[in-house]
mmCIF file of all heavy atoms, coordinates in Angstrom:
data_MODEL
# 
_entry.id   MODEL 
# 
loop_
_atom_site.group_PDB 
_atom_site.id 
_atom_site.type_symbol 
_atom_site.label_atom_id 
_atom_site.label_alt_id 
_atom_site.label_comp_id 
_atom_site.label_asym_id 
_atom_site.label_entity_id 
_atom_site.label_seq_id 
_atom_site.pdbx_PDB_ins_code 
_atom_site.Cartn_x 
_atom_site.Cartn_y 
_atom_site.Cartn_z 
_atom_site.occupancy 
_atom_site.B_iso_or_equiv 
_atom_site.pdbx_formal_charge 
_atom_site.auth_seq_id 
_atom_site.auth_comp_id 
_atom_site.auth_asym_id 
_atom_site.auth_atom_id 
_atom_site.pdbx_PDB_model_num 
ATOM 1   N N   . ILE A 1 1  ? -52.911 -31.416 29.694 1.00 0.00 ? 1  ILE A N   1 
ATOM 2   C CA  . ILE A 1 1  ? -52.740 -32.495 28.707 1.00 0.00 ? 1  ILE A CA  1 
ATOM 3   C C   . ILE A 1 1  ? -52.748 -33.808 29.474 1.00 0.00 ? 1  ILE A C   1 
ATOM 4   O O   . ILE A 1 1  ? -52.033 -33.936 30.486 1.00 0.00 ? 1  ILE A O   1 
ATOM 5   C CB  . ILE A 1 1  ? -51.411 -32.353 27.949 1.00 0.00 ? 1  ILE A CB  1 
ATOM 6   C CG1 . ILE A 1 1  ? -51.331 -30.967 27.270 1.00 0.00 ? 1  ILE A CG1 1 
ATOM 7   C CG2 . ILE A 1 1  ? -51.222 -33.459 26.930 1.00 0.00 ? 1  ILE A CG2 1 
ATOM 8   C CD1 . ILE A 1 1  ? -49.932 -30.601 26.809 1.00 0.00 ? 1  ILE A CD1 1 
ATOM 9   N N   . LYS A 1 2  ? -53.538 -34.766 29.026 1.00 0.00 ? 2  LYS A N   1 
ATOM 10  C CA  . LYS A 1 2  ? -53.707 -35.979 29.844 1.00 0.00 ? 2  LYS A CA  1 
ATOM 11  C C   . LYS A 1 2  ? -52.499 -36.908 29.818 1.00 0.00 ? 2  LYS A C   1 
ATOM 12  O O   . LYS A 1 2  ? -51.689 -36.870 28.883 1.00 0.00 ? 2  LYS A O   1 
ATOM 13  C CB  . LYS A 1 2  ? -54.957 -36.731 29.389 1.00 0.00 ? 2  LYS A CB  1 
ATOM 14  C CG  . LYS A 1 2  ? -54.863 -37.486 28.074 1.00 0.00 ? 2  LYS A CG  1 
ATOM 15  C CD  . LYS A 1 2  ? -56.201 -38.149 27.764 1.00 0.00 ? 2  LYS A CD  1 
ATOM 16  C CE  . LYS A 1 2  ? -56.150 -38.988 26.484 1.00 0.00 ? 2  LYS A CE  1 
ATOM 17  N NZ  . LYS A 1 2  ? -55.366 -40.218 26.639 1.00 0.00 ? 2  LYS A NZ  1 
ATOM 18  N N   . ALA A 1 3  ? -52.418 -37.684 30.865 1.00 0.00 ? 3  ALA A N   1 
ATOM 19  C CA  . ALA A 1 3  ? -51.399 -38.757 30.932 1.00 0.00 ? 3  ALA A CA  1 
ATOM 20  C C   . ALA A 1 3  ? -51.938 -39.966 30.174 1.00 0.00 ? 3  ALA A C   1 
ATOM 21  O O   . ALA A 1 3  ? -53.141 -40.169 30.106 1.00 0.00 ? 3  ALA A O   1 
ATOM 22  C CB  . ALA A 1 3  ? -51.145 -39.129 32.398 1.00 0.00 ? 3  ALA A CB  1 
ATOM 23  N N   . PRO A 1 4  ? -51.055 -40.803 29.578 1.00 0.00 ? 4  PRO A N   1 
ATOM 24  C CA  . PRO A 1 4  ? -49.595 -40.679 29.627 1.00 0.00 ? 4  PRO A CA  1 
ATOM 25  C C   . PRO A 1 4  ? -48.979 -39.830 28.530 1.00 0.00 ? 4  PRO A C   1 
ATOM 26  O O   . PRO A 1 4  ? -47.772 -39.638 28.505 1.00 0.00 ? 4  PRO A O   1 
ATOM 27  C CB  . PRO A 1 4  ? -49.179 -42.152 29.476 1.00 0.00 ? 4  PRO A CB  1 
ATOM 28  C CG  . PRO A 1 4  ? -50.235 -42.733 28.555 1.00 0.00 ? 4  PRO A CG  1 
ATOM 29  C CD  . PRO A 1 4  ? -51.504 -42.051 28.957 1.00 0.00 ? 4  PRO A CD  1 
ATOM 30  N N   . GLU A 1 5  ? -49.801 -39.292 27.596 1.00 0.00 ? 5  GLU A N   1 
ATOM 31  C CA  . GLU A 1 5  ? -49.254 -38.514 26.487 1.00 0.00 ? 5  GLU A CA  1 
ATOM 32  C C   . GLU A 1 5  ? -48.401 -37.355 26.975 1.00 0.00 ? 5  GLU A C   1 
ATOM 33  O O   . GLU A 1 5  ? -47.402 -36.980 26.346 1.00 0.00 ? 5  GLU A O   1 
ATOM 34  C CB  . GLU A 1 5  ? -50.380 -38.026 25.578 1.00 0.00 ? 5  GLU A CB  1 
ATOM 35  C CG  . GLU A 1 5  ? -51.064 -39.082 24.781 1.00 0.00 ? 5  GLU A CG  1 
ATOM 36  C CD  . GLU A 1 5  ? -52.250 -39.725 25.551 1.00 0.00 ? 5  GLU A CD  1 
ATOM 37  O OE1 . GLU A 1 5  ? -52.336 -39.518 26.787 1.00 0.00 ? 5  GLU A OE1 1 
ATOM 38  O OE2 . GLU A 1 5  ? -53.061 -40.432 24.919 1.00 0.00 ? 5  GLU A OE2 1 
ATOM 39  N N   . CYS A 1 6  ? -48.810 -36.746 28.080 1.00 0.00 ? 6  CYS A N   1 
ATOM 40  C CA  . CYS A 1 6  ? -48.117 -35.542 28.568 1.00 0.00 ? 6  CYS A CA  1 
ATOM 41  C C   . CYS A 1 6  ? -46.656 -35.827 28.880 1.00 0.00 ? 6  CYS A C   1 
ATOM 42  O O   . CYS A 1 6  ? -45.785 -34.966 28.727 1.00 0.00 ? 6  CYS A O   1 
ATOM 43  C CB  . CYS A 1 6  ? -48.818 -34.966 29.786 1.00 0.00 ? 6  CYS A CB  1 
ATOM 44  S SG  . CYS A 1 6  ? -48.826 -36.064 31.257 1.00 0.00 ? 6  CYS A SG  1 
ATOM 45  N N   . PHE A 1 7  ? -46.342 -37.065 29.315 1.00 0.00 ? 7  PHE A N   1 
ATOM 46  C CA  . PHE A 1 7  ? -44.950 -37.381 29.659 1.00 0.00 ? 7  PHE A CA  1 
ATOM 47  C C   . PHE A 1 7  ? -44.073 -37.346 28.392 1.00 0.00 ? 7  PHE A C   1 
ATOM 48  O O   . PHE A 1 7  ? -42.987 -36.728 28.410 1.00 0.00 ? 7  PHE A O   1 
ATOM 49  C CB  . PHE A 1 7  ? -44.860 -38.765 30.327 1.00 0.00 ? 7  PHE A CB  1 
ATOM 50  C CG  . PHE A 1 7  ? -45.676 -38.879 31.575 1.00 0.00 ? 7  PHE A CG  1 
ATOM 51  C CD1 . PHE A 1 7  ? -46.672 -39.819 31.706 1.00 0.00 ? 7  PHE A CD1 1 
ATOM 52  C CD2 . PHE A 1 7  ? -45.430 -38.048 32.676 1.00 0.00 ? 7  PHE A CD2 1 
ATOM 53  C CE1 . PHE A 1 7  ? -47.426 -39.940 32.848 1.00 0.00 ? 7  PHE A CE1 1 
ATOM 54  C CE2 . PHE A 1 7  ? -46.173 -38.162 33.834 1.00 0.00 ? 7  PHE A CE2 1 
ATOM 55  C CZ  . PHE A 1 7  ? -47.175 -39.108 33.902 1.00 0.00 ? 7  PHE A CZ  1 
ATOM 56  N N   . GLU A 1 8  ? -44.512 -38.006 27.364 1.00 0.00 ? 8  GLU A N   1 
ATOM 57  C CA  . GLU A 1 8  ? -43.731 -38.014 26.096 1.00 0.00 ? 8  GLU A CA  1 
ATOM 58  C C   . GLU A 1 8  ? -43.646 -36.626 25.498 1.00 0.00 ? 8  GLU A C   1 
ATOM 59  O O   . GLU A 1 8  ? -42.583 -36.212 25.037 1.00 0.00 ? 8  GLU A O   1 
ATOM 60  C CB  . GLU A 1 8  ? -44.351 -38.975 25.095 1.00 0.00 ? 8  GLU A CB  1 
ATOM 61  C CG  . GLU A 1 8  ? -43.562 -39.037 23.786 1.00 0.00 ? 8  GLU A CG  1 
ATOM 62  C CD  . GLU A 1 8  ? -44.161 -39.918 22.717 1.00 0.00 ? 8  GLU A CD  1 
ATOM 63  O OE1 . GLU A 1 8  ? -45.167 -40.590 22.993 1.00 0.00 ? 8  GLU A OE1 1 
ATOM 64  O OE2 . GLU A 1 8  ? -43.625 -39.926 21.583 1.00 0.00 ? 8  GLU A OE2 1 
ATOM 65  N N   . ILE A 1 9  ? -44.760 -35.885 25.514 1.00 0.00 ? 9  ILE A N   1 
ATOM 66  C CA  . ILE A 1 9  ? -44.764 -34.566 24.923 1.00 0.00 ? 9  ILE A CA  1 
ATOM 67  C C   . ILE A 1 9  ? -43.762 -33.669 25.633 1.00 0.00 ? 9  ILE A C   1 
ATOM 68  O O   . ILE A 1 9  ? -42.936 -32.995 24.997 1.00 0.00 ? 9  ILE A O   1 
ATOM 69  C CB  . ILE A 1 9  ? -46.178 -33.941 25.020 1.00 0.00 ? 9  ILE A CB  1 
ATOM 70  C CG1 . ILE A 1 9  ? -47.119 -34.634 23.998 1.00 0.00 ? 9  ILE A CG1 1 
ATOM 71  C CG2 . ILE A 1 9  ? -46.154 -32.440 24.773 1.00 0.00 ? 9  ILE A CG2 1 
ATOM 72  C CD1 . ILE A 1 9  ? -48.577 -34.257 24.166 1.00 0.00 ? 9  ILE A CD1 1 
ATOM 73  N N   . GLU A 1 10 ? -43.781 -33.662 26.966 1.00 0.00 ? 10 GLU A N   1 
ATOM 74  C CA  . GLU A 1 10 ? -42.827 -32.800 27.693 1.00 0.00 ? 10 GLU A CA  1 
ATOM 75  C C   . GLU A 1 10 ? -41.403 -33.233 27.467 1.00 0.00 ? 10 GLU A C   1 
ATOM 76  O O   . GLU A 1 10 ? -40.518 -32.412 27.212 1.00 0.00 ? 10 GLU A O   1 
ATOM 77  C CB  . GLU A 1 10 ? -43.122 -32.786 29.174 1.00 0.00 ? 10 GLU A CB  1 
ATOM 78  C CG  . GLU A 1 10 ? -42.307 -31.725 29.909 1.00 0.00 ? 10 GLU A CG  1 
ATOM 79  C CD  . GLU A 1 10 ? -42.325 -31.845 31.417 1.00 0.00 ? 10 GLU A CD  1 
ATOM 80  O OE1 . GLU A 1 10 ? -42.213 -32.994 31.926 1.00 0.00 ? 10 GLU A OE1 1 
ATOM 81  O OE2 . GLU A 1 10 ? -42.443 -30.811 32.072 1.00 0.00 ? 10 GLU A OE2 1 
ATOM 82  N N   . GLU A 1 11 ? -41.138 -34.539 27.589 1.00 0.00 ? 11 GLU A N   1 
ATOM 83  C CA  . GLU A 1 11 ? -39.769 -35.004 27.427 1.00 0.00 ? 11 GLU A CA  1 
ATOM 84  C C   . GLU A 1 11 ? -39.206 -34.674 26.057 1.00 0.00 ? 11 GLU A C   1 
ATOM 85  O O   . GLU A 1 11 ? -38.056 -34.222 25.921 1.00 0.00 ? 11 GLU A O   1 
ATOM 86  C CB  . GLU A 1 11 ? -39.684 -36.533 27.685 1.00 0.00 ? 11 GLU A CB  1 
ATOM 87  C CG  . GLU A 1 11 ? -39.681 -36.910 29.140 1.00 0.00 ? 11 GLU A CG  1 
ATOM 88  C CD  . GLU A 1 11 ? -38.570 -36.241 29.927 1.00 0.00 ? 11 GLU A CD  1 
ATOM 89  O OE1 . GLU A 1 11 ? -37.413 -36.288 29.477 1.00 0.00 ? 11 GLU A OE1 1 
ATOM 90  O OE2 . GLU A 1 11 ? -38.876 -35.634 30.981 1.00 0.00 ? 11 GLU A OE2 1 
ATOM 91  N N   . ARG A 1 12 ? -40.007 -34.901 25.009 1.00 0.00 ? 12 ARG A N   1 
ATOM 92  C CA  . ARG A 1 12 ? -39.556 -34.644 23.662 1.00 0.00 ? 12 ARG A CA  1 
ATOM 93  C C   . ARG A 1 12 ? -39.265 -33.155 23.455 1.00 0.00 ? 12 ARG A C   1 
ATOM 94  O O   . ARG A 1 12 ? -38.242 -32.763 22.872 1.00 0.00 ? 12 ARG A O   1 
ATOM 95  C CB  . ARG A 1 12 ? -40.612 -35.099 22.662 1.00 0.00 ? 12 ARG A CB  1 
ATOM 96  C CG  . ARG A 1 12 ? -40.694 -36.621 22.472 1.00 0.00 ? 12 ARG A CG  1 
ATOM 97  C CD  . ARG A 1 12 ? -39.760 -37.112 21.359 1.00 0.00 ? 12 ARG A CD  1 
ATOM 98  N NE  . ARG A 1 12 ? -39.989 -36.406 20.102 1.00 0.00 ? 12 ARG A NE  1 
ATOM 99  C CZ  . ARG A 1 12 ? -40.958 -36.708 19.249 1.00 0.00 ? 12 ARG A CZ  1 
ATOM 100 N NH1 . ARG A 1 12 ? -41.821 -37.696 19.481 1.00 0.00 ? 12 ARG A NH1 1 
ATOM 101 N NH2 . ARG A 1 12 ? -41.085 -36.016 18.093 1.00 0.00 ? 12 ARG A NH2 1 
ATOM 102 N N   . LEU A 1 13 ? -40.184 -32.297 23.925 1.00 0.00 ? 13 LEU A N   1 
ATOM 103 C CA  . LEU A 1 13 ? -40.010 -30.872 23.719 1.00 0.00 ? 13 LEU A CA  1 
ATOM 104 C C   . LEU A 1 13 ? -38.840 -30.326 24.542 1.00 0.00 ? 13 LEU A C   1 
ATOM 105 O O   . LEU A 1 13 ? -38.128 -29.442 24.096 1.00 0.00 ? 13 LEU A O   1 
ATOM 106 C CB  . LEU A 1 13 ? -41.286 -30.120 24.078 1.00 0.00 ? 13 LEU A CB  1 
ATOM 107 C CG  . LEU A 1 13 ? -42.463 -30.363 23.115 1.00 0.00 ? 13 LEU A CG  1 
ATOM 108 C CD1 . LEU A 1 13 ? -43.750 -29.713 23.637 1.00 0.00 ? 13 LEU A CD1 1 
ATOM 109 C CD2 . LEU A 1 13 ? -42.140 -29.807 21.719 1.00 0.00 ? 13 LEU A CD2 1 
ATOM 110 N N   . LYS A 1 14 ? -38.615 -30.875 25.721 1.00 0.00 ? 14 LYS A N   1 
ATOM 111 C CA  . LYS A 1 14 ? -37.450 -30.469 26.521 1.00 0.00 ? 14 LYS A CA  1 
ATOM 112 C C   . LYS A 1 14 ? -36.158 -30.795 25.803 1.00 0.00 ? 14 LYS A C   1 
ATOM 113 O O   . LYS A 1 14 ? -35.190 -30.031 25.830 1.00 0.00 ? 14 LYS A O   1 
ATOM 114 C CB  . LYS A 1 14 ? -37.496 -31.143 27.883 1.00 0.00 ? 14 LYS A CB  1 
ATOM 115 C CG  . LYS A 1 14 ? -38.470 -30.529 28.883 1.00 0.00 ? 14 LYS A CG  1 
ATOM 116 C CD  . LYS A 1 14 ? -38.674 -31.370 30.081 1.00 0.00 ? 14 LYS A CD  1 
ATOM 117 C CE  . LYS A 1 14 ? -37.436 -31.466 30.976 1.00 0.00 ? 14 LYS A CE  1 
ATOM 118 N NZ  . LYS A 1 14 ? -37.695 -32.202 32.210 1.00 0.00 ? 14 LYS A NZ  1 
ATOM 119 N N   . GLU A 1 15 ? -36.113 -31.957 25.134 1.00 0.00 ? 15 GLU A N   1 
ATOM 120 C CA  . GLU A 1 15 ? -34.936 -32.396 24.444 1.00 0.00 ? 15 GLU A CA  1 
ATOM 121 C C   . GLU A 1 15 ? -34.711 -31.635 23.114 1.00 0.00 ? 15 GLU A C   1 
ATOM 122 O O   . GLU A 1 15 ? -33.564 -31.341 22.747 1.00 0.00 ? 15 GLU A O   1 
ATOM 123 C CB  . GLU A 1 15 ? -35.039 -33.914 24.129 1.00 0.00 ? 15 GLU A CB  1 
ATOM 124 C CG  . GLU A 1 15 ? -34.926 -34.812 25.341 1.00 0.00 ? 15 GLU A CG  1 
ATOM 125 C CD  . GLU A 1 15 ? -35.231 -36.251 25.013 1.00 0.00 ? 15 GLU A CD  1 
ATOM 126 O OE1 . GLU A 1 15 ? -35.354 -36.574 23.812 1.00 0.00 ? 15 GLU A OE1 1 
ATOM 127 O OE2 . GLU A 1 15 ? -35.342 -37.076 25.941 1.00 0.00 ? 15 GLU A OE2 1 
ATOM 128 N N   . GLU A 1 16 ? -35.806 -31.293 22.455 1.00 0.00 ? 16 GLU A N   1 
ATOM 129 C CA  . GLU A 1 16 ? -35.691 -30.802 21.087 1.00 0.00 ? 16 GLU A CA  1 
ATOM 130 C C   . GLU A 1 16 ? -35.798 -29.273 20.942 1.00 0.00 ? 16 GLU A C   1 
ATOM 131 O O   . GLU A 1 16 ? -35.565 -28.744 19.868 1.00 0.00 ? 16 GLU A O   1 
ATOM 132 C CB  . GLU A 1 16 ? -36.752 -31.480 20.232 1.00 0.00 ? 16 GLU A CB  1 
ATOM 133 C CG  . GLU A 1 16 ? -36.571 -32.993 20.168 1.00 0.00 ? 16 GLU A CG  1 
ATOM 134 C CD  . GLU A 1 16 ? -37.694 -33.741 19.440 1.00 0.00 ? 16 GLU A CD  1 
ATOM 135 O OE1 . GLU A 1 16 ? -38.323 -33.117 18.556 1.00 0.00 ? 16 GLU A OE1 1 
ATOM 136 O OE2 . GLU A 1 16 ? -37.915 -34.935 19.752 1.00 0.00 ? 16 GLU A OE2 1 
ATOM 137 N N   . LEU A 1 17 ? -36.148 -28.575 22.041 1.00 0.00 ? 17 LEU A N   1 
ATOM 138 C CA  . LEU A 1 17 ? -36.242 -27.124 21.979 1.00 0.00 ? 17 LEU A CA  1 
ATOM 139 C C   . LEU A 1 17 ? -35.176 -26.456 22.856 1.00 0.00 ? 17 LEU A C   1 
ATOM 140 O O   . LEU A 1 17 ? -34.844 -26.978 23.935 1.00 0.00 ? 17 LEU A O   1 
ATOM 141 C CB  . LEU A 1 17 ? -37.643 -26.642 22.428 1.00 0.00 ? 17 LEU A CB  1 
ATOM 142 C CG  . LEU A 1 17 ? -38.794 -27.004 21.533 1.00 0.00 ? 17 LEU A CG  1 
ATOM 143 C CD1 . LEU A 1 17 ? -40.114 -26.476 22.113 1.00 0.00 ? 17 LEU A CD1 1 
ATOM 144 C CD2 . LEU A 1 17 ? -38.616 -26.497 20.141 1.00 0.00 ? 17 LEU A CD2 1 
ATOM 145 N N   . PRO A 1 18 ? -34.637 -25.306 22.431 1.00 0.00 ? 18 PRO A N   1 
ATOM 146 C CA  . PRO A 1 18 ? -33.596 -24.597 23.202 1.00 0.00 ? 18 PRO A CA  1 
ATOM 147 C C   . PRO A 1 18 ? -34.124 -23.599 24.224 1.00 0.00 ? 18 PRO A C   1 
ATOM 148 O O   . PRO A 1 18 ? -33.415 -22.674 24.619 1.00 0.00 ? 18 PRO A O   1 
ATOM 149 C CB  . PRO A 1 18 ? -32.791 -23.918 22.087 1.00 0.00 ? 18 PRO A CB  1 
ATOM 150 C CG  . PRO A 1 18 ? -33.835 -23.553 21.085 1.00 0.00 ? 18 PRO A CG  1 
ATOM 151 C CD  . PRO A 1 18 ? -34.873 -24.652 21.129 1.00 0.00 ? 18 PRO A CD  1 
ATOM 152 N N   . ILE A 1 19 ? -35.410 -23.716 24.568 1.00 0.00 ? 19 ILE A N   1 
ATOM 153 C CA  . ILE A 1 19 ? -36.036 -22.820 25.549 1.00 0.00 ? 19 ILE A CA  1 
ATOM 154 C C   . ILE A 1 19 ? -36.707 -23.649 26.640 1.00 0.00 ? 19 ILE A C   1 
ATOM 155 O O   . ILE A 1 19 ? -36.980 -24.829 26.449 1.00 0.00 ? 19 ILE A O   1 
ATOM 156 C CB  . ILE A 1 19 ? -37.078 -21.911 24.880 1.00 0.00 ? 19 ILE A CB  1 
ATOM 157 C CG1 . ILE A 1 19 ? -38.149 -22.737 24.137 1.00 0.00 ? 19 ILE A CG1 1 
ATOM 158 C CG2 . ILE A 1 19 ? -36.403 -20.921 23.918 1.00 0.00 ? 19 ILE A CG2 1 
ATOM 159 C CD1 . ILE A 1 19 ? -39.286 -21.897 23.556 1.00 0.00 ? 19 ILE A CD1 1 
ATOM 160 N N   . PRO A 1 20 ? -36.936 -23.024 27.806 1.00 0.00 ? 20 PRO A N   1 
ATOM 161 C CA  . PRO A 1 20 ? -37.531 -23.796 28.917 1.00 0.00 ? 20 PRO A CA  1 
ATOM 162 C C   . PRO A 1 20 ? -38.956 -24.254 28.598 1.00 0.00 ? 20 PRO A C   1 
ATOM 163 O O   . PRO A 1 20 ? -39.760 -23.515 28.067 1.00 0.00 ? 20 PRO A O   1 
ATOM 164 C CB  . PRO A 1 20 ? -37.536 -22.813 30.094 1.00 0.00 ? 20 PRO A CB  1 
ATOM 165 C CG  . PRO A 1 20 ? -37.308 -21.465 29.511 1.00 0.00 ? 20 PRO A CG  1 
ATOM 166 C CD  . PRO A 1 20 ? -36.577 -21.659 28.216 1.00 0.00 ? 20 PRO A CD  1 
ATOM 167 N N   . VAL A 1 21 ? -39.209 -25.537 28.902 1.00 0.00 ? 21 VAL A N   1 
ATOM 168 C CA  . VAL A 1 21 ? -40.518 -26.161 28.710 1.00 0.00 ? 21 VAL A CA  1 
ATOM 169 C C   . VAL A 1 21 ? -40.908 -26.808 30.038 1.00 0.00 ? 21 VAL A C   1 
ATOM 170 O O   . VAL A 1 21 ? -40.124 -27.545 30.637 1.00 0.00 ? 21 VAL A O   1 
ATOM 171 C CB  . VAL A 1 21 ? -40.466 -27.245 27.599 1.00 0.00 ? 21 VAL A CB  1 
ATOM 172 C CG1 . VAL A 1 21 ? -41.816 -27.956 27.485 1.00 0.00 ? 21 VAL A CG1 1 
ATOM 173 C CG2 . VAL A 1 21 ? -40.053 -26.629 26.265 1.00 0.00 ? 21 VAL A CG2 1 
ATOM 174 N N   . MET A 1 22 ? -42.136 -26.557 30.501 1.00 0.00 ? 22 MET A N   1 
ATOM 175 C CA  . MET A 1 22 ? -42.596 -27.180 31.736 1.00 0.00 ? 22 MET A CA  1 
ATOM 176 C C   . MET A 1 22 ? -44.088 -27.462 31.637 1.00 0.00 ? 22 MET A C   1 
ATOM 177 O O   . MET A 1 22 ? -44.861 -26.611 31.242 1.00 0.00 ? 22 MET A O   1 
ATOM 178 C CB  . MET A 1 22 ? -42.326 -26.291 32.951 1.00 0.00 ? 22 MET A CB  1 
ATOM 179 C CG  . MET A 1 22 ? -42.638 -26.990 34.276 1.00 0.00 ? 22 MET A CG  1 
ATOM 180 S SD  . MET A 1 22 ? -42.106 -26.075 35.772 1.00 0.00 ? 22 MET A SD  1 
ATOM 181 C CE  . MET A 1 22 ? -43.517 -24.965 35.994 1.00 0.00 ? 22 MET A CE  1 
ATOM 182 N N   . HIS A 1 23 ? -44.461 -28.688 31.967 1.00 0.00 ? 23 HIS A N   1 
ATOM 183 C CA  . HIS A 1 23 ? -45.862 -29.070 32.092 1.00 0.00 ? 23 HIS A CA  1 
ATOM 184 C C   . HIS A 1 23 ? -46.266 -28.800 33.542 1.00 0.00 ? 23 HIS A C   1 
ATOM 185 O O   . HIS A 1 23 ? -45.963 -29.558 34.429 1.00 0.00 ? 23 HIS A O   1 
ATOM 186 C CB  . HIS A 1 23 ? -46.035 -30.544 31.744 1.00 0.00 ? 23 HIS A CB  1 
ATOM 187 C CG  . HIS A 1 23 ? -47.489 -30.996 31.766 1.00 0.00 ? 23 HIS A CG  1 
ATOM 188 N ND1 . HIS A 1 23 ? -47.842 -32.294 32.058 1.00 0.00 ? 23 HIS A ND1 1 
ATOM 189 C CD2 . HIS A 1 23 ? -48.636 -30.347 31.535 1.00 0.00 ? 23 HIS A CD2 1 
ATOM 190 C CE1 . HIS A 1 23 ? -49.158 -32.409 32.019 1.00 0.00 ? 23 HIS A CE1 1 
ATOM 191 N NE2 . HIS A 1 23 ? -49.656 -31.241 31.704 1.00 0.00 ? 23 HIS A NE2 1 
ATOM 192 N N   . ASP A 1 24 ? -46.949 -27.690 33.744 1.00 0.00 ? 24 ASP A N   1 
ATOM 193 C CA  . ASP A 1 24 ? -47.217 -27.229 35.111 1.00 0.00 ? 24 ASP A CA  1 
ATOM 194 C C   . ASP A 1 24 ? -48.076 -28.190 35.917 1.00 0.00 ? 24 ASP A C   1 
ATOM 195 O O   . ASP A 1 24 ? -47.921 -28.288 37.124 1.00 0.00 ? 24 ASP A O   1 
ATOM 196 C CB  . ASP A 1 24 ? -47.854 -25.831 35.073 1.00 0.00 ? 24 ASP A CB  1 
ATOM 197 C CG  . ASP A 1 24 ? -47.996 -25.259 36.472 1.00 0.00 ? 24 ASP A CG  1 
ATOM 198 O OD1 . ASP A 1 24 ? -47.018 -25.292 37.229 1.00 0.00 ? 24 ASP A OD1 1 
ATOM 199 O OD2 . ASP A 1 24 ? -49.095 -24.793 36.827 1.00 0.00 ? 24 ASP A OD2 1 
ATOM 200 N N   . ASP A 1 25 ? -48.985 -28.894 35.251 1.00 0.00 ? 25 ASP A N   1 
ATOM 201 C CA  . ASP A 1 25 ? -49.839 -29.853 35.985 1.00 0.00 ? 25 ASP A CA  1 
ATOM 202 C C   . ASP A 1 25 ? -48.975 -30.909 36.687 1.00 0.00 ? 25 ASP A C   1 
ATOM 203 O O   . ASP A 1 25 ? -49.358 -31.403 37.745 1.00 0.00 ? 25 ASP A O   1 
ATOM 204 C CB  . ASP A 1 25 ? -50.819 -30.528 35.022 1.00 0.00 ? 25 ASP A CB  1 
ATOM 205 C CG  . ASP A 1 25 ? -51.691 -29.517 34.303 1.00 0.00 ? 25 ASP A CG  1 
ATOM 206 O OD1 . ASP A 1 25 ? -52.481 -28.849 34.996 1.00 0.00 ? 25 ASP A OD1 1 
ATOM 207 O OD2 . ASP A 1 25 ? -51.580 -29.374 33.084 1.00 0.00 ? 25 ASP A OD2 1 
ATOM 208 N N   . GLN A 1 26 ? -47.876 -31.254 36.055 1.00 0.00 ? 26 GLN A N   1 
ATOM 209 C CA  . GLN A 1 26 ? -46.945 -32.194 36.707 1.00 0.00 ? 26 GLN A CA  1 
ATOM 210 C C   . GLN A 1 26 ? -46.137 -31.505 37.794 1.00 0.00 ? 26 GLN A C   1 
ATOM 211 O O   . GLN A 1 26 ? -46.199 -31.845 38.964 1.00 0.00 ? 26 GLN A O   1 
ATOM 212 C CB  . GLN A 1 26 ? -45.988 -32.795 35.674 1.00 0.00 ? 26 GLN A CB  1 
ATOM 213 C CG  . GLN A 1 26 ? -46.561 -33.707 34.651 1.00 0.00 ? 26 GLN A CG  1 
ATOM 214 C CD  . GLN A 1 26 ? -45.485 -34.263 33.740 1.00 0.00 ? 26 GLN A CD  1 
ATOM 215 O OE1 . GLN A 1 26 ? -44.533 -34.870 34.195 1.00 0.00 ? 26 GLN A OE1 1 
ATOM 216 N NE2 . GLN A 1 26 ? -45.604 -34.035 32.444 1.00 0.00 ? 26 GLN A NE2 1 
# 
């Protein structure tokens, strides 16, 4: 997922989901 969208996507999903989320490219 391209930057800068990937930063917001990961941060939001980390905050809003109760399971591990990781953007591996980062």
